[in-house]
Every structure is written in structure tokens, then in C-alpha cells.
């Protein structure tokens, strides 16, 4: 997987304060309203794009906040890898649990 990554970036609340001039840590991205969960909007918010090899991730793929960003990453990984990584993670957890019992 590492051979497939061209660029990574990370930010913090301090980064956001500097670059988007939000001194109080406001949310950013898409509007966080009930309209965001409209079926048509949800269908449009997905990791796959019309640009070959370009995938999106983060809180705007699913829902706002840390958990939304985390699951946005899971959905992006599934799209890139073409497999259900949540099923893989659950199977791995079961294997580790069984190994721990022995």
C-alpha cells in the first residue's frame, strides 16, 4: 500500500486556525444540516470520483467530526482496494481473540 501513496498531509486545530482563520475551532467543510442526509446528497458524497485514480476521504464523505472522518477513511480504503475492509477488520479481530485464548 505504501508504494501507492504519492502525498500525505496532516493538520491540527492550530493549522486550521492559521490557514482558515477560525480562532475558535469552528467546523468547516459541507454545511452540517439535515439536508446533508438527503438520499441524493448521500449518493453524491462518496470516495469515487469521475477522475481516474482520484478518491476522496474525510468527514464530508459521511458525516461531520472525528468519527465521520474515520469512517470516511474506511469507505475510501474500501473503494481503493475494492473490498470490504470492515469485514476484514472483524475477521482479524476474531482471529486475534481466538489466538489469545490459546
C-alpha atoms as a PDB file:
ATOM      1  CA  UNK A   1       0.000   0.000   0.000  1.00  0.00           C
ATOM      2  CA  UNK A   2       2.827   2.449   0.814  1.00  0.00           C
ATOM      3  CA  UNK A   3       4.041   2.273  -2.778  1.00  0.00           C
ATOM      4  CA  UNK A   4       0.648   3.628  -3.905  1.00  0.00           C
ATOM      5  CA  UNK A   5       0.764   6.795  -1.775  1.00  0.00           C
ATOM      6  CA  UNK A   6       2.088   9.906  -3.508  1.00  0.00           C
ATOM      7  CA  UNK A   7       1.290  12.537  -0.892  1.00  0.00           C
ATOM      8  CA  UNK A   8       0.022  12.761   2.674  1.00  0.00           C
ATOM      9  CA  UNK A   9      -0.775  15.766   4.811  1.00  0.00           C
ATOM     10  CA  UNK A  10      -1.853  16.291   8.379  1.00  0.00           C
ATOM     11  CA  UNK A  11      -3.275  19.221  10.258  1.00  0.00           C
ATOM     12  CA  UNK A  12      -4.309  20.183  13.744  1.00  0.00           C
ATOM     13  CA  UNK A  13      -6.574  22.811  15.274  1.00  0.00           C
ATOM     14  CA  UNK A  14      -3.565  25.147  15.197  1.00  0.00           C
ATOM     15  CA  UNK A  15      -3.167  24.500  11.451  1.00  0.00           C
ATOM     16  CA  UNK A  16      -6.847  25.301  10.904  1.00  0.00           C
ATOM     17  CA  UNK A  17      -6.583  28.462  12.966  1.00  0.00           C
ATOM     18  CA  UNK A  18      -3.712  29.630  10.783  1.00  0.00           C
ATOM     19  CA  UNK A  19      -4.939  28.635   7.308  1.00  0.00           C
ATOM     20  CA  UNK A  20      -8.684  29.186   7.561  1.00  0.00           C
ATOM     21  CA  UNK A  21      -8.633  31.982  10.139  1.00  0.00           C
ATOM     22  CA  UNK A  22     -11.002  30.237  12.542  1.00  0.00           C
ATOM     23  CA  UNK A  23      -9.658  31.082  16.005  1.00  0.00           C
ATOM     24  CA  UNK A  24     -12.376  29.201  17.880  1.00  0.00           C
ATOM     25  CA  UNK A  25     -12.126  25.846  16.079  1.00  0.00           C
ATOM     26  CA  UNK A  26     -15.369  26.024  14.103  1.00  0.00           C
ATOM     27  CA  UNK A  27     -16.380  23.130  11.878  1.00  0.00           C
ATOM     28  CA  UNK A  28     -15.589  23.504   8.229  1.00  0.00           C
ATOM     29  CA  UNK A  29     -16.452  21.626   5.082  1.00  0.00           C
ATOM     30  CA  UNK A  30     -20.000  20.990   3.938  1.00  0.00           C
ATOM     31  CA  UNK A  31     -22.926  22.509   5.791  1.00  0.00           C
ATOM     32  CA  UNK A  32     -23.824  20.333   8.781  1.00  0.00           C
ATOM     33  CA  UNK A  33     -27.592  20.368   8.426  1.00  0.00           C
ATOM     34  CA  UNK A  34     -30.337  17.780   7.996  1.00  0.00           C
ATOM     35  CA  UNK A  35     -30.166  18.360   4.208  1.00  0.00           C
ATOM     36  CA  UNK A  36     -26.807  16.617   4.262  1.00  0.00           C
ATOM     37  CA  UNK A  37     -28.646  13.320   4.863  1.00  0.00           C
ATOM     38  CA  UNK A  38     -30.966  13.681   1.882  1.00  0.00           C
ATOM     39  CA  UNK A  39     -30.674  10.444  -0.175  1.00  0.00           C
ATOM     40  CA  UNK A  40     -29.497  12.301  -3.302  1.00  0.00           C
ATOM     41  CA  UNK A  41     -26.824  14.174  -1.345  1.00  0.00           C
ATOM     42  CA  UNK A  42     -25.684  10.971   0.363  1.00  0.00           C
ATOM     43  CA  UNK A  43     -25.438   9.260  -3.037  1.00  0.00           C
ATOM     44  CA  UNK A  44     -23.197  12.060  -4.315  1.00  0.00           C
ATOM     45  CA  UNK A  45     -20.892  12.021  -1.269  1.00  0.00           C
ATOM     46  CA  UNK A  46     -18.680   9.043  -1.973  1.00  0.00           C
ATOM     47  CA  UNK A  47     -14.967   8.341  -2.271  1.00  0.00           C
ATOM     48  CA  UNK A  48     -15.095   7.527  -6.009  1.00  0.00           C
ATOM     49  CA  UNK A  49     -14.810  10.429  -8.412  1.00  0.00           C
ATOM     50  CA  UNK A  50     -15.037  10.776 -12.177  1.00  0.00           C
ATOM     51  CA  UNK A  51     -11.271  11.349 -12.241  1.00  0.00           C
ATOM     52  CA  UNK A  52      -9.434   8.023 -12.624  1.00  0.00           C
ATOM     53  CA  UNK A  53      -7.299   7.284  -9.569  1.00  0.00           C
ATOM     54  CA  UNK A  54      -8.695  10.179  -7.501  1.00  0.00           C
ATOM     55  CA  UNK A  55     -10.523   9.205  -4.316  1.00  0.00           C
ATOM     56  CA  UNK A  56     -11.940  11.479  -1.636  1.00  0.00           C
ATOM     57  CA  UNK A  57     -11.998  10.894   2.103  1.00  0.00           C
ATOM     58  CA  UNK A  58     -12.681  12.715   5.346  1.00  0.00           C
ATOM     59  CA  UNK A  59     -15.692  13.994   7.198  1.00  0.00           C
ATOM     60  CA  UNK A  60     -17.518  15.170   4.080  1.00  0.00           C
ATOM     61  CA  UNK A  61     -17.808  11.631   2.687  1.00  0.00           C
ATOM     62  CA  UNK A  62     -20.042  10.515   5.553  1.00  0.00           C
ATOM     63  CA  UNK A  63     -20.756  12.849   8.457  1.00  0.00           C
ATOM     64  CA  UNK A  64     -19.001  15.528  10.444  1.00  0.00           C
ATOM     65  CA  UNK A  65     -16.417  15.136  13.168  1.00  0.00           C
ATOM     66  CA  UNK A  66     -13.740  12.647  14.094  1.00  0.00           C
ATOM     67  CA  UNK A  67     -15.933   9.553  13.711  1.00  0.00           C
ATOM     68  CA  UNK A  68     -17.252  10.743  10.353  1.00  0.00           C
ATOM     69  CA  UNK A  69     -13.710  11.349   9.147  1.00  0.00           C
ATOM     70  CA  UNK A  70     -12.589   7.949  10.426  1.00  0.00           C
ATOM     71  CA  UNK A  71     -15.376   6.096   8.644  1.00  0.00           C
ATOM     72  CA  UNK A  72     -14.833   8.274   5.567  1.00  0.00           C
ATOM     73  CA  UNK A  73     -11.319   6.799   5.562  1.00  0.00           C
ATOM     74  CA  UNK A  74     -12.740   3.278   5.816  1.00  0.00           C
ATOM     75  CA  UNK A  75     -15.056   3.944   2.865  1.00  0.00           C
ATOM     76  CA  UNK A  76     -12.178   5.379   0.833  1.00  0.00           C
ATOM     77  CA  UNK A  77      -9.988   2.365   1.639  1.00  0.00           C
ATOM     78  CA  UNK A  78     -12.805   0.063   0.529  1.00  0.00           C
ATOM     79  CA  UNK A  79     -13.165   1.975  -2.735  1.00  0.00           C
ATOM     80  CA  UNK A  80      -9.415   1.922  -3.427  1.00  0.00           C
ATOM     81  CA  UNK A  81      -8.954  -1.738  -2.505  1.00  0.00           C
ATOM     82  CA  UNK A  82     -12.226  -2.971  -3.990  1.00  0.00           C
ATOM     83  CA  UNK A  83     -13.088  -4.994  -0.886  1.00  0.00           C
ATOM     84  CA  UNK A  84     -14.990  -4.672   2.373  1.00  0.00           C
ATOM     85  CA  UNK A  85     -12.262  -3.708   4.843  1.00  0.00           C
ATOM     86  CA  UNK A  86     -14.725  -3.674   7.756  1.00  0.00           C
ATOM     87  CA  UNK A  87     -15.363  -7.379   7.195  1.00  0.00           C
ATOM     88  CA  UNK A  88     -11.591  -7.877   7.079  1.00  0.00           C
ATOM     89  CA  UNK A  89     -11.171  -5.989  10.371  1.00  0.00           C
ATOM     90  CA  UNK A  90     -13.915  -8.007  12.091  1.00  0.00           C
ATOM     91  CA  UNK A  91     -12.385 -11.281  10.866  1.00  0.00           C
ATOM     92  CA  UNK A  92      -8.948 -10.179  12.074  1.00  0.00           C
ATOM     93  CA  UNK A  93     -10.364  -9.279  15.493  1.00  0.00           C
ATOM     94  CA  UNK A  94     -11.915 -12.755  15.759  1.00  0.00           C
ATOM     95  CA  UNK A  95      -8.634 -14.399  14.756  1.00  0.00           C
ATOM     96  CA  UNK A  96      -6.682 -12.404  17.348  1.00  0.00           C
ATOM     97  CA  UNK A  97      -9.255 -13.187  20.024  1.00  0.00           C
ATOM     98  CA  UNK A  98      -9.033 -16.922  19.258  1.00  0.00           C
ATOM     99  CA  UNK A  99      -5.228 -16.775  19.242  1.00  0.00           C
ATOM    100  CA  UNK A 100      -5.284 -15.038  22.626  1.00  0.00           C
ATOM    101  CA  UNK A 101      -7.439 -17.845  24.098  1.00  0.00           C
ATOM    102  CA  UNK A 102      -4.821 -20.470  23.177  1.00  0.00           C
END
